[in-house]
Amino acid sequence: FQGRLARVLLDAGAATAAAWAEHEA
């Protein structure tokens, strides 16, 4: 039952993908 933490977890995964995509670009 994450509550407000759920948004933090979503954003953490998005940040990882963004960093990799920028590196590959």
mmCIF file of all heavy atoms, coordinates in Angstrom:
data_MODEL
# 
_entry.id   MODEL 
# 
loop_
_atom_site.group_PDB 
_atom_site.id 
_atom_site.type_symbol 
_atom_site.label_atom_id 
_atom_site.label_alt_id 
_atom_site.label_comp_id 
_atom_site.label_asym_id 
_atom_site.label_entity_id 
_atom_site.label_seq_id 
_atom_site.pdbx_PDB_ins_code 
_atom_site.Cartn_x 
_atom_site.Cartn_y 
_atom_site.Cartn_z 
_atom_site.occupancy 
_atom_site.B_iso_or_equiv 
_atom_site.pdbx_formal_charge 
_atom_site.auth_seq_id 
_atom_site.auth_comp_id 
_atom_site.auth_asym_id 
_atom_site.auth_atom_id 
_atom_site.pdbx_PDB_model_num 
ATOM 1   N N   . PHE A 1 1  ? 0.850  -1.185 0.000   1.00 0.00 ? 1  PHE A N   1 
ATOM 2   C CA  . PHE A 1 1  ? 0.000  0.000  0.000   1.00 0.00 ? 1  PHE A CA  1 
ATOM 3   C C   . PHE A 1 1  ? 0.886  1.236  0.000   1.00 0.00 ? 1  PHE A C   1 
ATOM 4   O O   . PHE A 1 1  ? 1.197  1.812  1.039   1.00 0.00 ? 1  PHE A O   1 
ATOM 5   C CB  . PHE A 1 1  ? -0.924 -0.011 1.222   1.00 0.00 ? 1  PHE A CB  1 
ATOM 6   C CG  . PHE A 1 1  ? -1.696 -1.296 1.371   1.00 0.00 ? 1  PHE A CG  1 
ATOM 7   C CD1 . PHE A 1 1  ? -1.309 -2.245 2.296   1.00 0.00 ? 1  PHE A CD1 1 
ATOM 8   C CD2 . PHE A 1 1  ? -2.781 -1.555 0.561   1.00 0.00 ? 1  PHE A CD2 1 
ATOM 9   C CE1 . PHE A 1 1  ? -2.010 -3.431 2.424   1.00 0.00 ? 1  PHE A CE1 1 
ATOM 10  C CE2 . PHE A 1 1  ? -3.495 -2.742 0.680   1.00 0.00 ? 1  PHE A CE2 1 
ATOM 11  C CZ  . PHE A 1 1  ? -3.106 -3.684 1.612   1.00 0.00 ? 1  PHE A CZ  1 
ATOM 12  N N   . GLN A 1 2  ? 1.285  1.695  -1.217  1.00 0.00 ? 2  GLN A N   1 
ATOM 13  C CA  . GLN A 1 2  ? 2.299  2.747  -1.316  1.00 0.00 ? 2  GLN A CA  1 
ATOM 14  C C   . GLN A 1 2  ? 1.784  4.144  -1.004  1.00 0.00 ? 2  GLN A C   1 
ATOM 15  O O   . GLN A 1 2  ? 2.519  4.979  -0.530  1.00 0.00 ? 2  GLN A O   1 
ATOM 16  C CB  . GLN A 1 2  ? 2.915  2.755  -2.734  1.00 0.00 ? 2  GLN A CB  1 
ATOM 17  C CG  . GLN A 1 2  ? 3.809  1.582  -3.018  1.00 0.00 ? 2  GLN A CG  1 
ATOM 18  C CD  . GLN A 1 2  ? 3.025  0.426  -3.611  1.00 0.00 ? 2  GLN A CD  1 
ATOM 19  O OE1 . GLN A 1 2  ? 1.808  0.489  -3.722  1.00 0.00 ? 2  GLN A OE1 1 
ATOM 20  N NE2 . GLN A 1 2  ? 3.708  -0.630 -3.979  1.00 0.00 ? 2  GLN A NE2 1 
ATOM 21  N N   . GLY A 1 3  ? 0.532  4.447  -1.334  1.00 0.00 ? 3  GLY A N   1 
ATOM 22  C CA  . GLY A 1 3  ? 0.018  5.786  -1.111  1.00 0.00 ? 3  GLY A CA  1 
ATOM 23  C C   . GLY A 1 3  ? 0.777  6.817  -1.932  1.00 0.00 ? 3  GLY A C   1 
ATOM 24  O O   . GLY A 1 3  ? 0.990  6.659  -3.136  1.00 0.00 ? 3  GLY A O   1 
ATOM 25  N N   . ARG A 1 4  ? 1.222  7.889  -1.290  1.00 0.00 ? 4  ARG A N   1 
ATOM 26  C CA  . ARG A 1 4  ? 1.920  8.970  -1.994  1.00 0.00 ? 4  ARG A CA  1 
ATOM 27  C C   . ARG A 1 4  ? 3.251  8.524  -2.575  1.00 0.00 ? 4  ARG A C   1 
ATOM 28  O O   . ARG A 1 4  ? 3.777  9.162  -3.487  1.00 0.00 ? 4  ARG A O   1 
ATOM 29  C CB  . ARG A 1 4  ? 2.144  10.136 -1.034  1.00 0.00 ? 4  ARG A CB  1 
ATOM 30  C CG  . ARG A 1 4  ? 0.854  10.793 -0.556  1.00 0.00 ? 4  ARG A CG  1 
ATOM 31  C CD  . ARG A 1 4  ? 1.144  11.922 0.402   1.00 0.00 ? 4  ARG A CD  1 
ATOM 32  N NE  . ARG A 1 4  ? -0.088 12.529 0.902   1.00 0.00 ? 4  ARG A NE  1 
ATOM 33  C CZ  . ARG A 1 4  ? -0.118 13.501 1.797   1.00 0.00 ? 4  ARG A CZ  1 
ATOM 34  N NH1 . ARG A 1 4  ? 1.022  13.972 2.309   1.00 0.00 ? 4  ARG A NH1 1 
ATOM 35  N NH2 . ARG A 1 4  ? -1.261 14.004 2.186   1.00 0.00 ? 4  ARG A NH2 1 
ATOM 36  N N   . LEU A 1 5  ? 3.806  7.457  -2.061  1.00 0.00 ? 5  LEU A N   1 
ATOM 37  C CA  . LEU A 1 5  ? 5.096  6.973  -2.542  1.00 0.00 ? 5  LEU A CA  1 
ATOM 38  C C   . LEU A 1 5  ? 5.016  6.479  -3.985  1.00 0.00 ? 5  LEU A C   1 
ATOM 39  O O   . LEU A 1 5  ? 6.025  6.462  -4.700  1.00 0.00 ? 5  LEU A O   1 
ATOM 40  C CB  . LEU A 1 5  ? 5.584  5.842  -1.627  1.00 0.00 ? 5  LEU A CB  1 
ATOM 41  C CG  . LEU A 1 5  ? 6.981  5.279  -1.868  1.00 0.00 ? 5  LEU A CG  1 
ATOM 42  C CD1 . LEU A 1 5  ? 8.030  6.364  -1.739  1.00 0.00 ? 5  LEU A CD1 1 
ATOM 43  C CD2 . LEU A 1 5  ? 7.251  4.142  -0.887  1.00 0.00 ? 5  LEU A CD2 1 
ATOM 44  N N   . ALA A 1 6  ? 3.838  6.119  -4.450  1.00 0.00 ? 6  ALA A N   1 
ATOM 45  C CA  . ALA A 1 6  ? 3.692  5.558  -5.792  1.00 0.00 ? 6  ALA A CA  1 
ATOM 46  C C   . ALA A 1 6  ? 4.217  6.514  -6.855  1.00 0.00 ? 6  ALA A C   1 
ATOM 47  O O   . ALA A 1 6  ? 4.885  6.100  -7.811  1.00 0.00 ? 6  ALA A O   1 
ATOM 48  C CB  . ALA A 1 6  ? 2.233  5.212  -6.062  1.00 0.00 ? 6  ALA A CB  1 
ATOM 49  N N   . ARG A 1 7  ? 3.931  7.802  -6.732  1.00 0.00 ? 7  ARG A N   1 
ATOM 50  C CA  . ARG A 1 7  ? 4.413  8.787  -7.700  1.00 0.00 ? 7  ARG A CA  1 
ATOM 51  C C   . ARG A 1 7  ? 5.928  8.877  -7.686  1.00 0.00 ? 7  ARG A C   1 
ATOM 52  O O   . ARG A 1 7  ? 6.565  8.989  -8.744  1.00 0.00 ? 7  ARG A O   1 
ATOM 53  C CB  . ARG A 1 7  ? 3.779  10.151 -7.407  1.00 0.00 ? 7  ARG A CB  1 
ATOM 54  C CG  . ARG A 1 7  ? 4.372  11.304 -8.198  1.00 0.00 ? 7  ARG A CG  1 
ATOM 55  C CD  . ARG A 1 7  ? 4.428  11.072 -9.688  1.00 0.00 ? 7  ARG A CD  1 
ATOM 56  N NE  . ARG A 1 7  ? 3.104  10.969 -10.283 1.00 0.00 ? 7  ARG A NE  1 
ATOM 57  C CZ  . ARG A 1 7  ? 2.898  10.715 -11.578 1.00 0.00 ? 7  ARG A CZ  1 
ATOM 58  N NH1 . ARG A 1 7  ? 3.931  10.478 -12.383 1.00 0.00 ? 7  ARG A NH1 1 
ATOM 59  N NH2 . ARG A 1 7  ? 1.682  10.636 -12.047 1.00 0.00 ? 7  ARG A NH2 1 
ATOM 60  N N   . VAL A 1 8  ? 6.523  8.793  -6.513  1.00 0.00 ? 8  VAL A N   1 
ATOM 61  C CA  . VAL A 1 8  ? 7.982  8.821  -6.404  1.00 0.00 ? 8  VAL A CA  1 
ATOM 62  C C   . VAL A 1 8  ? 8.594  7.637  -7.152  1.00 0.00 ? 8  VAL A C   1 
ATOM 63  O O   . VAL A 1 8  ? 9.605  7.768  -7.857  1.00 0.00 ? 8  VAL A O   1 
ATOM 64  C CB  . VAL A 1 8  ? 8.412  8.794  -4.920  1.00 0.00 ? 8  VAL A CB  1 
ATOM 65  C CG1 . VAL A 1 8  ? 9.935  8.696  -4.789  1.00 0.00 ? 8  VAL A CG1 1 
ATOM 66  C CG2 . VAL A 1 8  ? 7.892  10.031 -4.194  1.00 0.00 ? 8  VAL A CG2 1 
ATOM 67  N N   . LEU A 1 9  ? 7.970  6.464  -7.034  1.00 0.00 ? 9  LEU A N   1 
ATOM 68  C CA  . LEU A 1 9  ? 8.480  5.264  -7.688  1.00 0.00 ? 9  LEU A CA  1 
ATOM 69  C C   . LEU A 1 9  ? 8.353  5.374  -9.206  1.00 0.00 ? 9  LEU A C   1 
ATOM 70  O O   . LEU A 1 9  ? 9.275  4.994  -9.945  1.00 0.00 ? 9  LEU A O   1 
ATOM 71  C CB  . LEU A 1 9  ? 7.716  4.038  -7.183  1.00 0.00 ? 9  LEU A CB  1 
ATOM 72  C CG  . LEU A 1 9  ? 7.723  3.818  -5.671  1.00 0.00 ? 9  LEU A CG  1 
ATOM 73  C CD1 . LEU A 1 9  ? 6.842  2.630  -5.302  1.00 0.00 ? 9  LEU A CD1 1 
ATOM 74  C CD2 . LEU A 1 9  ? 9.131  3.608  -5.155  1.00 0.00 ? 9  LEU A CD2 1 
ATOM 75  N N   . LEU A 1 10 ? 7.226  5.873  -9.697  1.00 0.00 ? 10 LEU A N   1 
ATOM 76  C CA  . LEU A 1 10 ? 7.051  6.084  -11.129 1.00 0.00 ? 10 LEU A CA  1 
ATOM 77  C C   . LEU A 1 10 ? 8.117  7.025  -11.675 1.00 0.00 ? 10 LEU A C   1 
ATOM 78  O O   . LEU A 1 10 ? 8.731  6.763  -12.725 1.00 0.00 ? 10 LEU A O   1 
ATOM 79  C CB  . LEU A 1 10 ? 5.661  6.663  -11.413 1.00 0.00 ? 10 LEU A CB  1 
ATOM 80  C CG  . LEU A 1 10 ? 4.478  5.704  -11.448 1.00 0.00 ? 10 LEU A CG  1 
ATOM 81  C CD1 . LEU A 1 10 ? 3.174  6.467  -11.302 1.00 0.00 ? 10 LEU A CD1 1 
ATOM 82  C CD2 . LEU A 1 10 ? 4.469  4.900  -12.740 1.00 0.00 ? 10 LEU A CD2 1 
ATOM 83  N N   . ASP A 1 11 ? 8.355  8.116  -10.963 1.00 0.00 ? 11 ASP A N   1 
ATOM 84  C CA  . ASP A 1 11 ? 9.325  9.115  -11.416 1.00 0.00 ? 11 ASP A CA  1 
ATOM 85  C C   . ASP A 1 11 ? 10.753 8.565  -11.408 1.00 0.00 ? 11 ASP A C   1 
ATOM 86  O O   . ASP A 1 11 ? 11.564 8.931  -12.268 1.00 0.00 ? 11 ASP A O   1 
ATOM 87  C CB  . ASP A 1 11 ? 9.248  10.364 -10.539 1.00 0.00 ? 11 ASP A CB  1 
ATOM 88  C CG  . ASP A 1 11 ? 7.951  11.147 -10.756 1.00 0.00 ? 11 ASP A CG  1 
ATOM 89  O OD1 . ASP A 1 11 ? 7.257  10.896 -11.766 1.00 0.00 ? 11 ASP A OD1 1 
ATOM 90  O OD2 . ASP A 1 11 ? 7.626  12.013 -9.911  1.00 0.00 ? 11 ASP A OD2 1 
ATOM 91  N N   . ALA A 1 12 ? 11.054 7.692  -10.455 1.00 0.00 ? 12 ALA A N   1 
ATOM 92  C CA  . ALA A 1 12 ? 12.400 7.109  -10.396 1.00 0.00 ? 12 ALA A CA  1 
ATOM 93  C C   . ALA A 1 12 ? 12.671 6.258  -11.636 1.00 0.00 ? 12 ALA A C   1 
ATOM 94  O O   . ALA A 1 12 ? 13.756 6.337  -12.242 1.00 0.00 ? 12 ALA A O   1 
ATOM 95  C CB  . ALA A 1 12 ? 12.550 6.271  -9.131  1.00 0.00 ? 12 ALA A CB  1 
ATOM 96  N N   . GLY A 1 13 ? 11.700 5.450  -12.036 1.00 0.00 ? 13 GLY A N   1 
ATOM 97  C CA  . GLY A 1 13 ? 11.873 4.651  -13.242 1.00 0.00 ? 13 GLY A CA  1 
ATOM 98  C C   . GLY A 1 13 ? 11.986 5.517  -14.478 1.00 0.00 ? 13 GLY A C   1 
ATOM 99  O O   . GLY A 1 13 ? 12.800 5.238  -15.376 1.00 0.00 ? 13 GLY A O   1 
ATOM 100 N N   . ALA A 1 14 ? 11.177 6.586  -14.548 1.00 0.00 ? 14 ALA A N   1 
ATOM 101 C CA  . ALA A 1 14 ? 11.224 7.489  -15.696 1.00 0.00 ? 14 ALA A CA  1 
ATOM 102 C C   . ALA A 1 14 ? 12.580 8.179  -15.798 1.00 0.00 ? 14 ALA A C   1 
ATOM 103 O O   . ALA A 1 14 ? 13.119 8.351  -16.901 1.00 0.00 ? 14 ALA A O   1 
ATOM 104 C CB  . ALA A 1 14 ? 10.109 8.529  -15.585 1.00 0.00 ? 14 ALA A CB  1 
ATOM 105 N N   . ALA A 1 15 ? 13.144 8.569  -14.663 1.00 0.00 ? 15 ALA A N   1 
ATOM 106 C CA  . ALA A 1 15 ? 14.443 9.243  -14.674 1.00 0.00 ? 15 ALA A CA  1 
ATOM 107 C C   . ALA A 1 15 ? 15.540 8.320  -15.206 1.00 0.00 ? 15 ALA A C   1 
ATOM 108 O O   . ALA A 1 15 ? 16.441 8.754  -15.935 1.00 0.00 ? 15 ALA A O   1 
ATOM 109 C CB  . ALA A 1 15 ? 14.789 9.724  -13.267 1.00 0.00 ? 15 ALA A CB  1 
ATOM 110 N N   . THR A 1 16 ? 15.480 7.040  -14.851 1.00 0.00 ? 16 THR A N   1 
ATOM 111 C CA  . THR A 1 16 ? 16.466 6.071  -15.352 1.00 0.00 ? 16 THR A CA  1 
ATOM 112 C C   . THR A 1 16 ? 16.372 5.940  -16.867 1.00 0.00 ? 16 THR A C   1 
ATOM 113 O O   . THR A 1 16 ? 17.387 5.926  -17.571 1.00 0.00 ? 16 THR A O   1 
ATOM 114 C CB  . THR A 1 16 ? 16.253 4.701  -14.695 1.00 0.00 ? 16 THR A CB  1 
ATOM 115 O OG1 . THR A 1 16 ? 16.350 4.835  -13.281 1.00 0.00 ? 16 THR A OG1 1 
ATOM 116 C CG2 . THR A 1 16 ? 17.288 3.694  -15.175 1.00 0.00 ? 16 THR A CG2 1 
ATOM 117 N N   . ALA A 1 17 ? 15.152 5.840  -17.383 1.00 0.00 ? 17 ALA A N   1 
ATOM 118 C CA  . ALA A 1 17 ? 14.959 5.725  -18.832 1.00 0.00 ? 17 ALA A CA  1 
ATOM 119 C C   . ALA A 1 17 ? 15.420 6.982  -19.548 1.00 0.00 ? 17 ALA A C   1 
ATOM 120 O O   . ALA A 1 17 ? 16.044 6.905  -20.618 1.00 0.00 ? 17 ALA A O   1 
ATOM 121 C CB  . ALA A 1 17 ? 13.483 5.447  -19.141 1.00 0.00 ? 17 ALA A CB  1 
ATOM 122 N N   . ALA A 1 18 ? 15.123 8.149  -18.973 1.00 0.00 ? 18 ALA A N   1 
ATOM 123 C CA  . ALA A 1 18 ? 15.518 9.406  -19.596 1.00 0.00 ? 18 ALA A CA  1 
ATOM 124 C C   . ALA A 1 18 ? 17.033 9.511  -19.691 1.00 0.00 ? 18 ALA A C   1 
ATOM 125 O O   . ALA A 1 18 ? 17.567 9.924  -20.733 1.00 0.00 ? 18 ALA A O   1 
ATOM 126 C CB  . ALA A 1 18 ? 14.943 10.578 -18.798 1.00 0.00 ? 18 ALA A CB  1 
ATOM 127 N N   . ALA A 1 19 ? 17.726 9.166  -18.619 1.00 0.00 ? 19 ALA A N   1 
ATOM 128 C CA  . ALA A 1 19 ? 19.193 9.251  -18.615 1.00 0.00 ? 19 ALA A CA  1 
ATOM 129 C C   . ALA A 1 19 ? 19.795 8.331  -19.668 1.00 0.00 ? 19 ALA A C   1 
ATOM 130 O O   . ALA A 1 19 ? 20.741 8.699  -20.391 1.00 0.00 ? 19 ALA A O   1 
ATOM 131 C CB  . ALA A 1 19 ? 19.726 8.906  -17.230 1.00 0.00 ? 19 ALA A CB  1 
ATOM 132 N N   . TRP A 1 20 ? 19.255 7.106  -19.785 1.00 0.00 ? 20 TRP A N   1 
ATOM 133 C CA  . TRP A 1 20 ? 19.787 6.161  -20.780 1.00 0.00 ? 20 TRP A CA  1 
ATOM 134 C C   . TRP A 1 20 ? 19.497 6.646  -22.203 1.00 0.00 ? 20 TRP A C   1 
ATOM 135 O O   . TRP A 1 20 ? 20.365 6.587  -23.078 1.00 0.00 ? 20 TRP A O   1 
ATOM 136 C CB  . TRP A 1 20 ? 19.186 4.777  -20.566 1.00 0.00 ? 20 TRP A CB  1 
ATOM 137 C CG  . TRP A 1 20 ? 19.698 3.787  -21.582 1.00 0.00 ? 20 TRP A CG  1 
ATOM 138 C CD1 . TRP A 1 20 ? 20.923 3.209  -21.650 1.00 0.00 ? 20 TRP A CD1 1 
ATOM 139 C CD2 . TRP A 1 20 ? 18.955 3.301  -22.711 1.00 0.00 ? 20 TRP A CD2 1 
ATOM 140 N NE1 . TRP A 1 20 ? 21.007 2.366  -22.728 1.00 0.00 ? 20 TRP A NE1 1 
ATOM 141 C CE2 . TRP A 1 20 ? 19.823 2.398  -23.408 1.00 0.00 ? 20 TRP A CE2 1 
ATOM 142 C CE3 . TRP A 1 20 ? 17.677 3.515  -23.198 1.00 0.00 ? 20 TRP A CE3 1 
ATOM 143 C CZ2 . TRP A 1 20 ? 19.426 1.734  -24.568 1.00 0.00 ? 20 TRP A CZ2 1 
ATOM 144 C CZ3 . TRP A 1 20 ? 17.277 2.847  -24.354 1.00 0.00 ? 20 TRP A CZ3 1 
ATOM 145 C CH2 . TRP A 1 20 ? 18.145 1.972  -25.028 1.00 0.00 ? 20 TRP A CH2 1 
ATOM 146 N N   . ALA A 1 21 ? 18.276 7.119  -22.440 1.00 0.00 ? 21 ALA A N   1 
ATOM 147 C CA  . ALA A 1 21 ? 17.904 7.574  -23.782 1.00 0.00 ? 21 ALA A CA  1 
ATOM 148 C C   . ALA A 1 21 ? 18.760 8.764  -24.207 1.00 0.00 ? 21 ALA A C   1 
ATOM 149 O O   . ALA A 1 21 ? 19.188 8.856  -25.371 1.00 0.00 ? 21 ALA A O   1 
ATOM 150 C CB  . ALA A 1 21 ? 16.421 7.952  -23.819 1.00 0.00 ? 21 ALA A CB  1 
ATOM 151 N N   . GLU A 1 22 ? 19.031 9.678  -23.290 1.00 0.00 ? 22 GLU A N   1 
ATOM 152 C CA  . GLU A 1 22 ? 19.889 10.836 -23.610 1.00 0.00 ? 22 GLU A CA  1 
ATOM 153 C C   . GLU A 1 22 ? 21.313 10.395 -23.905 1.00 0.00 ? 22 GLU A C   1 
ATOM 154 O O   . GLU A 1 22 ? 21.971 10.916 -24.807 1.00 0.00 ? 22 GLU A O   1 
ATOM 155 C CB  . GLU A 1 22 ? 19.864 11.823 -22.455 1.00 0.00 ? 22 GLU A CB  1 
ATOM 156 C CG  . GLU A 1 22 ? 18.519 12.556 -22.320 1.00 0.00 ? 22 GLU A CG  1 
ATOM 157 C CD  . GLU A 1 22 ? 18.434 13.388 -21.060 1.00 0.00 ? 22 GLU A CD  1 
ATOM 158 O OE1 . GLU A 1 22 ? 19.449 13.454 -20.324 1.00 0.00 ? 22 GLU A OE1 1 
ATOM 159 O OE2 . GLU A 1 22 ? 17.356 13.964 -20.798 1.00 0.00 ? 22 GLU A OE2 1 
ATOM 160 N N   . HIS A 1 23 ? 21.793 9.417  -23.145 1.00 0.00 ? 23 HIS A N   1 
ATOM 161 C CA  . HIS A 1 23 ? 23.142 8.884  -23.393 1.00 0.00 ? 23 HIS A CA  1 
ATOM 162 C C   . HIS A 1 23 ? 23.218 8.243  -24.769 1.00 0.00 ? 23 HIS A C   1 
ATOM 163 O O   . HIS A 1 23 ? 24.185 8.446  -25.524 1.00 0.00 ? 23 HIS A O   1 
ATOM 164 C CB  . HIS A 1 23 ? 23.504 7.869  -22.316 1.00 0.00 ? 23 HIS A CB  1 
ATOM 165 C CG  . HIS A 1 23 ? 24.823 7.209  -22.531 1.00 0.00 ? 23 HIS A CG  1 
ATOM 166 N ND1 . HIS A 1 23 ? 24.971 6.017  -23.233 1.00 0.00 ? 23 HIS A ND1 1 
ATOM 167 C CD2 . HIS A 1 23 ? 26.082 7.572  -22.157 1.00 0.00 ? 23 HIS A CD2 1 
ATOM 168 C CE1 . HIS A 1 23 ? 26.233 5.688  -23.281 1.00 0.00 ? 23 HIS A CE1 1 
ATOM 169 N NE2 . HIS A 1 23 ? 26.936 6.597  -22.622 1.00 0.00 ? 23 HIS A NE2 1 
ATOM 170 N N   . GLU A 1 24 ? 22.199 7.452  -25.124 1.00 0.00 ? 24 GLU A N   1 
ATOM 171 C CA  . GLU A 1 24 ? 22.194 6.781  -26.424 1.00 0.00 ? 24 GLU A CA  1 
ATOM 172 C C   . GLU A 1 24 ? 22.067 7.785  -27.562 1.00 0.00 ? 24 GLU A C   1 
ATOM 173 O O   . GLU A 1 24 ? 22.689 7.594  -28.622 1.00 0.00 ? 24 GLU A O   1 
ATOM 174 C CB  . GLU A 1 24 ? 21.045 5.772  -26.485 1.00 0.00 ? 24 GLU A CB  1 
ATOM 175 C CG  . GLU A 1 24 ? 21.255 4.546  -25.626 1.00 0.00 ? 24 GLU A CG  1 
ATOM 176 C CD  . GLU A 1 24 ? 22.476 3.743  -26.075 1.00 0.00 ? 24 GLU A CD  1 
ATOM 177 O OE1 . GLU A 1 24 ? 22.397 3.117  -27.160 1.00 0.00 ? 24 GLU A OE1 1 
ATOM 178 O OE2 . GLU A 1 24 ? 23.487 3.738  -25.352 1.00 0.00 ? 24 GLU A OE2 1 
ATOM 179 N N   . ALA A 1 25 ? 21.292 8.852  -27.350 1.00 0.00 ? 25 ALA A N   1 
ATOM 180 C CA  . ALA A 1 25 ? 21.126 9.865  -28.395 1.00 0.00 ? 25 ALA A CA  1 
ATOM 181 C C   . ALA A 1 25 ? 22.440 10.605 -28.655 1.00 0.00 ? 25 ALA A C   1 
ATOM 182 O O   . ALA A 1 25 ? 22.683 11.082 -29.768 1.00 0.00 ? 25 ALA A O   1 
ATOM 183 C CB  . ALA A 1 25 ? 20.039 10.851 -27.999 1.00 0.00 ? 25 ALA A CB  1 
# 
